[in-house]
Amino acid sequence: MNLPNKLTIMRAIMVPFFVFFLLADMGMTGDIVALVLFCAASITDFLDGYIARKYNLVTNFGKFMDPLADKLLVGSAAICLLGIGRLPAWVVVILIGREFVISGFRLVAAEKGVVIAASYWGKFKTTFQMLMTIVLILHLDLGFWGILEQILIWVSTILTLVSLIDYLVKNKDVLKDAV
């Protein structure tokens, strides 16, 4: 197994530990451990793709597992942040709903032999979702922090919708004869 795939697996393994510490009643200590785990997992998201492309280590396992590990990390974070009252339910529905739609869309495309690559909108979306998650985990009691949280929630939600529309419009031919 190559290094990018090991990083992807490591990211997936970190998720339950991240969830435990974010939801455990440990005060700021739990939040900080959760934050460190989330940041480490987010860094592996960048590193596995970078290493795989740079050293030509792209595998079918990586193509399948990398997006799955990403969805697991971001979806788990969104659900936990909803559970602790830091993220509204309607935002979580949009974030997770988009992932289900794109995953289904990619399955239909794969049946037709079409690979749908990540777009820049999708990468911006992921970056802002990760920034939003970091800020919401920290949840500092500073006047401007609440404003920053709201800005990142709105930007992440808008980018989630824009990236969804971008995927669907650019790949609308995939749905021909599929319905």
C-alpha atoms as a PDB file:
ATOM      1  CA  MET A   1       0.000   0.000   0.000  1.00  0.00           C
ATOM      2  CA  ASN A   2       1.422   3.385  -0.978  1.00  0.00           C
ATOM      3  CA  LEU A   3       1.790   6.471   1.239  1.00  0.00           C
ATOM      4  CA  PRO A   4      -1.210   8.435  -0.121  1.00  0.00           C
ATOM      5  CA  ASN A   5      -3.504   5.470   0.558  1.00  0.00           C
ATOM      6  CA  LYS A   6      -2.073   5.089   4.063  1.00  0.00           C
ATOM      7  CA  LEU A   7      -2.778   8.781   4.707  1.00  0.00           C
ATOM      8  CA  THR A   8      -6.345   8.341   3.478  1.00  0.00           C
ATOM      9  CA  ILE A   9      -6.880   5.367   5.790  1.00  0.00           C
ATOM     10  CA  MET A  10      -5.315   7.289   8.666  1.00  0.00           C
ATOM     11  CA  ARG A  11      -7.790  10.147   8.036  1.00  0.00           C
ATOM     12  CA  ALA A  12     -10.734   7.743   8.180  1.00  0.00           C
ATOM     13  CA  ILE A  13      -9.400   6.189  11.396  1.00  0.00           C
ATOM     14  CA  MET A  14      -9.064   9.628  13.031  1.00  0.00           C
ATOM     15  CA  VAL A  15     -12.763  10.410  12.557  1.00  0.00           C
ATOM     16  CA  PRO A  16     -14.195   8.378  15.475  1.00  0.00           C
ATOM     17  CA  PHE A  17     -11.547   9.812  17.817  1.00  0.00           C
ATOM     18  CA  PHE A  18     -12.340  13.333  16.587  1.00  0.00           C
ATOM     19  CA  VAL A  19     -16.061  12.713  17.206  1.00  0.00           C
ATOM     20  CA  PHE A  20     -15.411  11.301  20.684  1.00  0.00           C
ATOM     21  CA  PHE A  21     -13.358  14.270  21.846  1.00  0.00           C
ATOM     22  CA  LEU A  22     -15.673  16.863  20.314  1.00  0.00           C
ATOM     23  CA  LEU A  23     -18.737  15.334  21.951  1.00  0.00           C
ATOM     24  CA  ALA A  24     -17.128  14.244  25.242  1.00  0.00           C
ATOM     25  CA  ASP A  25     -17.937  16.450  28.189  1.00  0.00           C
ATOM     26  CA  MET A  26     -14.322  17.502  28.694  1.00  0.00           C
ATOM     27  CA  GLY A  27     -14.678  21.253  28.231  1.00  0.00           C
ATOM     28  CA  MET A  28     -11.983  23.088  26.317  1.00  0.00           C
ATOM     29  CA  THR A  29      -9.588  20.109  26.604  1.00  0.00           C
ATOM     30  CA  GLY A  30     -11.897  17.933  24.508  1.00  0.00           C
ATOM     31  CA  ASP A  31     -12.350  20.731  21.985  1.00  0.00           C
ATOM     32  CA  ILE A  32      -8.595  21.221  21.644  1.00  0.00           C
ATOM     33  CA  VAL A  33      -7.927  17.500  21.149  1.00  0.00           C
ATOM     34  CA  ALA A  34     -10.779  17.396  18.603  1.00  0.00           C
ATOM     35  CA  LEU A  35      -9.324  20.452  16.877  1.00  0.00           C
ATOM     36  CA  VAL A  36      -5.853  18.880  16.648  1.00  0.00           C
ATOM     37  CA  LEU A  37      -7.339  15.667  15.243  1.00  0.00           C
ATOM     38  CA  PHE A  38      -9.479  17.574  12.731  1.00  0.00           C
ATOM     39  CA  CYS A  39      -6.510  19.678  11.590  1.00  0.00           C
ATOM     40  CA  ALA A  40      -4.292  16.598  11.265  1.00  0.00           C
ATOM     41  CA  ALA A  41      -6.985  14.806   9.261  1.00  0.00           C
ATOM     42  CA  SER A  42      -7.470  17.886   7.058  1.00  0.00           C
ATOM     43  CA  ILE A  43      -3.733  18.043   6.381  1.00  0.00           C
ATOM     44  CA  THR A  44      -3.750  14.389   5.296  1.00  0.00           C
ATOM     45  CA  ASP A  45      -6.503  15.335   2.828  1.00  0.00           C
ATOM     46  CA  PHE A  46      -4.145  17.793   1.166  1.00  0.00           C
ATOM     47  CA  LEU A  47      -1.057  15.579   1.432  1.00  0.00           C
ATOM     48  CA  ASP A  48      -2.498  12.359   0.052  1.00  0.00           C
ATOM     49  CA  GLY A  49      -3.687  14.019  -3.152  1.00  0.00           C
ATOM     50  CA  TYR A  50      -0.521  16.061  -3.569  1.00  0.00           C
ATOM     51  CA  ILE A  51       1.787  13.061  -3.088  1.00  0.00           C
ATOM     52  CA  ALA A  52      -0.347  10.798  -5.286  1.00  0.00           C
ATOM     53  CA  ARG A  53      -0.288  13.268  -8.191  1.00  0.00           C
ATOM     54  CA  LYS A  54       3.332  14.376  -7.803  1.00  0.00           C
ATOM     55  CA  TYR A  55       4.768  10.854  -7.640  1.00  0.00           C
ATOM     56  CA  ASN A  56       2.218   9.209  -9.940  1.00  0.00           C
ATOM     57  CA  LEU A  57       0.812   7.085  -7.106  1.00  0.00           C
ATOM     58  CA  VAL A  58      -2.861   7.493  -8.019  1.00  0.00           C
ATOM     59  CA  THR A  59      -4.748   4.217  -7.468  1.00  0.00           C
ATOM     60  CA  ASN A  60      -8.342   3.063  -7.865  1.00  0.00           C
ATOM     61  CA  PHE A  61      -8.417   2.506  -4.096  1.00  0.00           C
ATOM     62  CA  GLY A  62      -7.380   6.133  -3.560  1.00  0.00           C
ATOM     63  CA  LYS A  63      -9.926   7.423  -6.077  1.00  0.00           C
ATOM     64  CA  PHE A  64     -12.626   5.620  -4.120  1.00  0.00           C
ATOM     65  CA  MET A  65     -11.437   6.008  -0.519  1.00  0.00           C
ATOM     66  CA  ASP A  66     -10.171   9.615  -0.579  1.00  0.00           C
ATOM     67  CA  PRO A  67     -13.578  11.218  -1.261  1.00  0.00           C
ATOM     68  CA  LEU A  68     -15.198   8.758   1.143  1.00  0.00           C
ATOM     69  CA  ALA A  69     -12.777   9.686   3.940  1.00  0.00           C
ATOM     70  CA  ASP A  70     -13.386  13.392   3.183  1.00  0.00           C
ATOM     71  CA  LYS A  71     -17.156  12.962   3.373  1.00  0.00           C
ATOM     72  CA  LEU A  72     -16.804  10.993   6.597  1.00  0.00           C
ATOM     73  CA  LEU A  73     -14.667  13.720   8.180  1.00  0.00           C
ATOM     74  CA  VAL A  74     -16.703  16.734   7.071  1.00  0.00           C
ATOM     75  CA  GLY A  75     -20.076  15.015   7.554  1.00  0.00           C
ATOM     76  CA  SER A  76     -19.156  13.817  11.050  1.00  0.00           C
ATOM     77  CA  ALA A  77     -17.940  17.280  11.968  1.00  0.00           C
ATOM     78  CA  ALA A  78     -21.154  18.895  10.704  1.00  0.00           C
ATOM     79  CA  ILE A  79     -23.357  16.436  12.598  1.00  0.00           C
ATOM     80  CA  CYS A  80     -21.344  16.904  15.805  1.00  0.00           C
ATOM     81  CA  LEU A  81     -21.414  20.687  15.481  1.00  0.00           C
ATOM     82  CA  LEU A  82     -25.193  20.462  15.041  1.00  0.00           C
ATOM     83  CA  GLY A  83     -25.395  18.266  18.139  1.00  0.00           C
ATOM     84  CA  ILE A  84     -23.523  20.759  20.299  1.00  0.00           C
ATOM     85  CA  GLY A  85     -25.503  23.715  18.962  1.00  0.00           C
ATOM     86  CA  ARG A  86     -22.828  25.398  16.874  1.00  0.00           C
ATOM     87  CA  LEU A  87     -24.233  24.726  13.392  1.00  0.00           C
ATOM     88  CA  PRO A  88     -27.868  25.051  12.246  1.00  0.00           C
ATOM     89  CA  ALA A  89     -29.668  21.939  11.012  1.00  0.00           C
ATOM     90  CA  TRP A  90     -30.522  23.487   7.627  1.00  0.00           C
ATOM     91  CA  VAL A  91     -26.811  24.017   6.924  1.00  0.00           C
ATOM     92  CA  VAL A  92     -26.000  20.414   7.849  1.00  0.00           C
ATOM     93  CA  VAL A  93     -28.761  19.179   5.517  1.00  0.00           C
ATOM     94  CA  ILE A  94     -27.292  21.235   2.640  1.00  0.00           C
ATOM     95  CA  LEU A  95     -23.698  20.128   3.331  1.00  0.00           C
ATOM     96  CA  ILE A  96     -24.528  16.431   3.614  1.00  0.00           C
ATOM     97  CA  GLY A  97     -27.236  16.514   0.938  1.00  0.00           C
ATOM     98  CA  ARG A  98     -24.751  17.882  -1.580  1.00  0.00           C
ATOM     99  CA  GLU A  99     -22.370  15.020  -0.815  1.00  0.00           C
ATOM    100  CA  PHE A 100     -25.108  12.424  -1.386  1.00  0.00           C
ATOM    101  CA  VAL A 101     -26.123  14.037  -4.689  1.00  0.00           C
ATOM    102  CA  ILE A 102     -22.542  14.218  -5.971  1.00  0.00           C
ATOM    103  CA  SER A 103     -21.796  10.642  -4.836  1.00  0.00           C
ATOM    104  CA  GLY A 104     -24.860   9.365  -6.670  1.00  0.00           C
ATOM    105  CA  PHE A 105     -23.955  11.436  -9.697  1.00  0.00           C
ATOM    106  CA  ARG A 106     -20.447   9.970  -9.709  1.00  0.00           C
ATOM    107  CA  LEU A 107     -21.862   6.431  -9.518  1.00  0.00           C
ATOM    108  CA  VAL A 108     -24.050   7.066 -12.579  1.00  0.00           C
ATOM    109  CA  ALA A 109     -21.033   8.570 -14.373  1.00  0.00           C
ATOM    110  CA  ALA A 110     -18.832   5.591 -13.420  1.00  0.00           C
ATOM    111  CA  GLU A 111     -21.378   3.199 -14.924  1.00  0.00           C
ATOM    112  CA  LYS A 112     -20.914   5.093 -18.184  1.00  0.00           C
ATOM    113  CA  GLY A 113     -17.131   5.023 -17.888  1.00  0.00           C
ATOM    114  CA  VAL A 114     -16.936   8.727 -17.057  1.00  0.00           C
ATOM    115  CA  VAL A 115     -14.731   9.968 -14.225  1.00  0.00           C
ATOM    116  CA  ILE A 116     -15.847  13.242 -12.693  1.00  0.00           C
ATOM    117  CA  ALA A 117     -12.815  15.024 -11.327  1.00  0.00           C
ATOM    118  CA  ALA A 118     -12.928  17.482  -8.464  1.00  0.00           C
ATOM    119  CA  SER A 119     -13.497  21.048  -9.599  1.00  0.00           C
ATOM    120  CA  TYR A 120     -12.031  24.238  -8.227  1.00  0.00           C
ATOM    121  CA  TRP A 121     -15.439  25.066  -6.734  1.00  0.00           C
ATOM    122  CA  GLY A 122     -15.368  21.735  -4.907  1.00  0.00           C
ATOM    123  CA  LYS A 123     -11.886  22.452  -3.594  1.00  0.00           C
ATOM    124  CA  PHE A 124     -12.907  25.953  -2.433  1.00  0.00           C
ATOM    125  CA  LYS A 125     -15.957  24.409  -0.780  1.00  0.00           C
ATOM    126  CA  THR A 126     -13.832  21.876   1.089  1.00  0.00           C
ATOM    127  CA  THR A 127     -11.326  24.526   2.177  1.00  0.00           C
ATOM    128  CA  PHE A 128     -14.035  26.792   3.564  1.00  0.00           C
ATOM    129  CA  GLN A 129     -15.877  23.909   5.227  1.00  0.00           C
ATOM    130  CA  MET A 130     -12.655  22.964   6.986  1.00  0.00           C
ATOM    131  CA  LEU A 131     -11.992  26.575   8.039  1.00  0.00           C
ATOM    132  CA  MET A 132     -15.579  26.876   9.259  1.00  0.00           C
ATOM    133  CA  THR A 133     -15.228  23.655  11.245  1.00  0.00           C
ATOM    134  CA  ILE A 134     -11.990  24.823  12.873  1.00  0.00           C
ATOM    135  CA  VAL A 135     -13.538  28.156  13.889  1.00  0.00           C
ATOM    136  CA  LEU A 136     -16.702  26.454  15.190  1.00  0.00           C
ATOM    137  CA  ILE A 137     -14.689  23.931  17.210  1.00  0.00           C
ATOM    138  CA  LEU A 138     -12.695  26.755  18.812  1.00  0.00           C
ATOM    139  CA  HIS A 139     -15.920  28.721  19.474  1.00  0.00           C
ATOM    140  CA  LEU A 140     -14.080  31.513  21.280  1.00  0.00           C
ATOM    141  CA  ASP A 141     -15.969  33.983  23.426  1.00  0.00           C
ATOM    142  CA  LEU A 142     -14.748  37.054  21.563  1.00  0.00           C
ATOM    143  CA  GLY A 143     -17.011  39.683  20.013  1.00  0.00           C
ATOM    144  CA  PHE A 144     -15.777  39.294  16.448  1.00  0.00           C
ATOM    145  CA  TRP A 145     -15.574  35.484  16.680  1.00  0.00           C
ATOM    146  CA  GLY A 146     -19.331  35.041  16.402  1.00  0.00           C
ATOM    147  CA  ILE A 147     -19.325  37.219  13.288  1.00  0.00           C
ATOM    148  CA  LEU A 148     -16.460  35.172  11.811  1.00  0.00           C
ATOM    149  CA  GLU A 149     -18.396  31.965  12.559  1.00  0.00           C
ATOM    150  CA  GLN A 150     -21.489  33.295  10.756  1.00  0.00           C
ATOM    151  CA  ILE A 151     -19.482  34.508   7.754  1.00  0.00           C
ATOM    152  CA  LEU A 152     -17.783  31.111   7.385  1.00  0.00           C
ATOM    153  CA  ILE A 153     -21.105  29.270   7.764  1.00  0.00           C
ATOM    154  CA  TRP A 154     -22.648  31.380   4.987  1.00  0.00           C
ATOM    155  CA  VAL A 155     -19.612  31.209   2.688  1.00  0.00           C
ATOM    156  CA  SER A 156     -19.340  27.426   3.172  1.00  0.00           C
ATOM    157  CA  THR A 157     -23.049  26.967   2.473  1.00  0.00           C
ATOM    158  CA  ILE A 158     -22.987  29.153  -0.632  1.00  0.00           C
ATOM    159  CA  LEU A 159     -19.868  27.410  -1.969  1.00  0.00           C
ATOM    160  CA  THR A 160     -21.514  24.050  -1.273  1.00  0.00           C
ATOM    161  CA  LEU A 161     -24.485  25.044  -3.443  1.00  0.00           C
ATOM    162  CA  VAL A 162     -22.316  26.652  -6.150  1.00  0.00           C
ATOM    163  CA  SER A 163     -20.091  23.554  -6.365  1.00  0.00           C
ATOM    164  CA  LEU A 164     -23.182  21.335  -6.611  1.00  0.00           C
ATOM    165  CA  ILE A 165     -24.618  23.410  -9.455  1.00  0.00           C
ATOM    166  CA  ASP A 166     -21.198  23.507 -11.151  1.00  0.00           C
ATOM    167  CA  TYR A 167     -20.892  19.691 -11.057  1.00  0.00           C
ATOM    168  CA  LEU A 168     -24.405  19.183 -12.377  1.00  0.00           C
ATOM    169  CA  VAL A 169     -24.154  21.752 -15.177  1.00  0.00           C
ATOM    170  CA  LYS A 170     -20.693  20.653 -16.357  1.00  0.00           C
ATOM    171  CA  ASN A 171     -21.678  16.996 -16.348  1.00  0.00           C
ATOM    172  CA  LYS A 172     -25.350  17.119 -17.342  1.00  0.00           C
ATOM    173  CA  ASP A 173     -24.705  14.737 -20.255  1.00  0.00           C
ATOM    174  CA  VAL A 174     -24.035  11.982 -17.711  1.00  0.00           C
ATOM    175  CA  LEU A 175     -27.712  12.022 -16.749  1.00  0.00           C
ATOM    176  CA  LYS A 176     -28.960  11.541 -20.322  1.00  0.00           C
ATOM    177  CA  ASP A 177     -30.656   8.162 -20.594  1.00  0.00           C
ATOM    178  CA  ALA A 178     -30.044   7.552 -16.878  1.00  0.00           C
ATOM    179  CA  VAL A 179     -33.498   8.611 -15.750  1.00  0.00           C
END
